[in-house]
Amino acid sequence: MKLVRTALTALVLAAAPIAAAVPVAQADTIIVHRGPPPLRHEVIVHRPGPARDWFWQPGYWRWSGADYDWVGGHWDRRPHARAVWVAPHWAHRHHDWVFVEGHWR
């Protein structure tokens, strides 16, 4: 299983397969040649604070360099009242899978 790290744009990723690892200064793009397993069903534990301040971030599959590892969901405090969580996920692009980091917007 090859893991490819690159800072190239989505346009370049779409145009040609990447065959070598490229170190980057900011965030790495993780590309894997096989898809992740199905998401797991999680039991949401008791909320730690007032409902409006906390949001459940569901679990996801993380690539370890050799296989997928499950990262369990957890509660996180919203950075502001109208913040929306964009969950981390794997996007299928051509013949590979690209990890998209979760973030608040």
C-alpha atoms as a PDB file:
ATOM      1  CA  MET A   1       0.000   0.000   0.000  1.00  0.00           C
ATOM      2  CA  LYS A   2       1.508   3.309  -0.987  1.00  0.00           C
ATOM      3  CA  LEU A   3       0.921   6.470   0.965  1.00  0.00           C
ATOM      4  CA  VAL A   4       1.555   9.625  -0.955  1.00  0.00           C
ATOM      5  CA  ARG A   5       1.957  13.007   0.711  1.00  0.00           C
ATOM      6  CA  THR A   6       1.847  16.092  -1.433  1.00  0.00           C
ATOM      7  CA  ALA A   7       1.009  19.769  -1.361  1.00  0.00           C
ATOM      8  CA  LEU A   8      -0.173  19.863  -4.952  1.00  0.00           C
ATOM      9  CA  THR A   9      -3.535  21.354  -5.785  1.00  0.00           C
ATOM     10  CA  ALA A  10      -6.633  19.333  -6.586  1.00  0.00           C
ATOM     11  CA  LEU A  11      -6.157  20.242 -10.246  1.00  0.00           C
ATOM     12  CA  VAL A  12      -2.779  18.527 -10.336  1.00  0.00           C
ATOM     13  CA  LEU A  13      -4.164  15.560  -8.383  1.00  0.00           C
ATOM     14  CA  ALA A  14      -6.889  15.199 -10.992  1.00  0.00           C
ATOM     15  CA  ALA A  15      -4.453  15.507 -13.888  1.00  0.00           C
ATOM     16  CA  ALA A  16      -1.886  12.872 -12.967  1.00  0.00           C
ATOM     17  CA  PRO A  17      -1.255  10.167 -10.367  1.00  0.00           C
ATOM     18  CA  ILE A  18       1.361  11.035  -7.782  1.00  0.00           C
ATOM     19  CA  ALA A  19       4.064   8.414  -7.268  1.00  0.00           C
ATOM     20  CA  ALA A  20       6.445   9.916  -4.715  1.00  0.00           C
ATOM     21  CA  ALA A  21       6.244  11.471  -1.299  1.00  0.00           C
ATOM     22  CA  VAL A  22       6.809  15.213  -1.131  1.00  0.00           C
ATOM     23  CA  PRO A  23       7.377  16.844   2.277  1.00  0.00           C
ATOM     24  CA  VAL A  24       5.347  19.979   2.867  1.00  0.00           C
ATOM     25  CA  ALA A  25       5.516  22.886   5.305  1.00  0.00           C
ATOM     26  CA  GLN A  26       1.781  23.296   5.927  1.00  0.00           C
ATOM     27  CA  ALA A  27      -0.848  20.552   5.851  1.00  0.00           C
ATOM     28  CA  ASP A  28      -0.222  17.234   4.118  1.00  0.00           C
ATOM     29  CA  THR A  29      -2.644  15.668   1.684  1.00  0.00           C
ATOM     30  CA  ILE A  30      -2.999  11.955   2.341  1.00  0.00           C
ATOM     31  CA  ILE A  31      -3.681   9.766  -0.682  1.00  0.00           C
ATOM     32  CA  VAL A  32      -4.335   6.031  -0.337  1.00  0.00           C
ATOM     33  CA  HIS A  33      -4.907   3.504  -3.108  1.00  0.00           C
ATOM     34  CA  ARG A  34      -7.765   1.655  -1.372  1.00  0.00           C
ATOM     35  CA  GLY A  35     -10.893   2.989   0.244  1.00  0.00           C
ATOM     36  CA  PRO A  36     -11.613   3.095   3.972  1.00  0.00           C
ATOM     37  CA  PRO A  37     -13.910   0.589   5.699  1.00  0.00           C
ATOM     38  CA  PRO A  38     -17.524   1.650   6.364  1.00  0.00           C
ATOM     39  CA  LEU A  39     -17.979   4.122   9.213  1.00  0.00           C
ATOM     40  CA  ARG A  40     -18.661   2.538  12.598  1.00  0.00           C
ATOM     41  CA  HIS A  41     -21.846   3.020  14.564  1.00  0.00           C
ATOM     42  CA  GLU A  42     -20.958   5.039  17.661  1.00  0.00           C
ATOM     43  CA  VAL A  43     -22.752   5.530  20.937  1.00  0.00           C
ATOM     44  CA  ILE A  44     -22.752   9.243  21.745  1.00  0.00           C
ATOM     45  CA  VAL A  45     -21.718   9.773  25.351  1.00  0.00           C
ATOM     46  CA  HIS A  46     -23.231  12.348  27.724  1.00  0.00           C
ATOM     47  CA  ARG A  47     -22.705  15.968  26.645  1.00  0.00           C
ATOM     48  CA  PRO A  48     -20.158  17.770  28.876  1.00  0.00           C
ATOM     49  CA  GLY A  49     -21.865  21.173  28.877  1.00  0.00           C
ATOM     50  CA  PRO A  50     -24.803  23.247  27.678  1.00  0.00           C
ATOM     51  CA  ALA A  51     -26.292  22.006  24.410  1.00  0.00           C
ATOM     52  CA  ARG A  52     -25.630  25.198  22.459  1.00  0.00           C
ATOM     53  CA  ASP A  53     -21.903  25.231  23.338  1.00  0.00           C
ATOM     54  CA  TRP A  54     -20.974  21.649  22.419  1.00  0.00           C
ATOM     55  CA  PHE A  55     -21.086  19.591  19.236  1.00  0.00           C
ATOM     56  CA  TRP A  56     -20.489  15.847  18.738  1.00  0.00           C
ATOM     57  CA  GLN A  57     -17.728  15.253  16.203  1.00  0.00           C
ATOM     58  CA  PRO A  58     -18.288  11.756  14.791  1.00  0.00           C
ATOM     59  CA  GLY A  59     -15.455   9.242  14.448  1.00  0.00           C
ATOM     60  CA  TYR A  60     -13.561   8.630  11.217  1.00  0.00           C
ATOM     61  CA  TRP A  61     -10.934   6.372   9.665  1.00  0.00           C
ATOM     62  CA  ARG A  62      -7.347   7.702   9.819  1.00  0.00           C
ATOM     63  CA  TRP A  63      -4.555   6.303   7.653  1.00  0.00           C
ATOM     64  CA  SER A  64      -1.631   5.035   9.781  1.00  0.00           C
ATOM     65  CA  GLY A  65       0.792   4.545   6.898  1.00  0.00           C
ATOM     66  CA  ALA A  66      -0.020   0.836   6.615  1.00  0.00           C
ATOM     67  CA  ASP A  67      -3.750   0.536   7.346  1.00  0.00           C
ATOM     68  CA  TYR A  68      -6.831   2.430   8.495  1.00  0.00           C
ATOM     69  CA  ASP A  69      -7.260   3.083  12.243  1.00  0.00           C
ATOM     70  CA  TRP A  70     -10.560   4.179  13.801  1.00  0.00           C
ATOM     71  CA  VAL A  71     -10.570   7.524  15.632  1.00  0.00           C
ATOM     72  CA  GLY A  72     -13.574   7.638  17.957  1.00  0.00           C
ATOM     73  CA  GLY A  73     -15.962  10.576  18.047  1.00  0.00           C
ATOM     74  CA  HIS A  74     -15.876  13.159  20.811  1.00  0.00           C
ATOM     75  CA  TRP A  75     -17.513  16.333  22.053  1.00  0.00           C
ATOM     76  CA  ASP A  76     -15.906  19.643  21.122  1.00  0.00           C
ATOM     77  CA  ARG A  77     -16.815  23.155  22.150  1.00  0.00           C
ATOM     78  CA  ARG A  78     -17.954  25.381  19.306  1.00  0.00           C
ATOM     79  CA  PRO A  79     -15.555  28.275  18.639  1.00  0.00           C
ATOM     80  CA  HIS A  80     -18.607  30.559  18.269  1.00  0.00           C
ATOM     81  CA  ALA A  81     -22.390  30.181  18.357  1.00  0.00           C
ATOM     82  CA  ARG A  82     -22.893  29.863  14.593  1.00  0.00           C
ATOM     83  CA  ALA A  83     -19.910  27.599  13.885  1.00  0.00           C
ATOM     84  CA  VAL A  84     -20.639  24.524  11.751  1.00  0.00           C
ATOM     85  CA  TRP A  85     -18.498  21.371  11.906  1.00  0.00           C
ATOM     86  CA  VAL A  86     -17.359  19.945   8.572  1.00  0.00           C
ATOM     87  CA  ALA A  87     -16.518  16.313   9.364  1.00  0.00           C
ATOM     88  CA  PRO A  88     -13.277  14.702   8.173  1.00  0.00           C
ATOM     89  CA  HIS A  89     -13.886  12.294   5.327  1.00  0.00           C
ATOM     90  CA  TRP A  90     -12.313  10.338   2.487  1.00  0.00           C
ATOM     91  CA  ALA A  91     -13.036  11.568  -1.054  1.00  0.00           C
ATOM     92  CA  HIS A  92     -12.753   9.161  -3.990  1.00  0.00           C
ATOM     93  CA  ARG A  93     -10.717  10.864  -6.711  1.00  0.00           C
ATOM     94  CA  HIS A  94     -10.029   8.829  -9.815  1.00  0.00           C
ATOM     95  CA  HIS A  95      -8.445   5.586  -8.572  1.00  0.00           C
ATOM     96  CA  ASP A  96      -7.316   6.905  -5.178  1.00  0.00           C
ATOM     97  CA  TRP A  97      -8.782   8.090  -1.871  1.00  0.00           C
ATOM     98  CA  VAL A  98      -7.882  11.526  -0.486  1.00  0.00           C
ATOM     99  CA  PHE A  99      -8.342  12.462   3.176  1.00  0.00           C
ATOM    100  CA  VAL A 100     -10.149  15.771   3.808  1.00  0.00           C
ATOM    101  CA  GLU A 101      -9.464  17.169   7.304  1.00  0.00           C
ATOM    102  CA  GLY A 102     -12.364  18.147   9.543  1.00  0.00           C
ATOM    103  CA  HIS A 103     -12.706  21.817  10.434  1.00  0.00           C
ATOM    104  CA  TRP A 104     -15.007  24.496  11.839  1.00  0.00           C
ATOM    105  CA  ARG A 105     -16.456  27.077   9.472  1.00  0.00           C
END
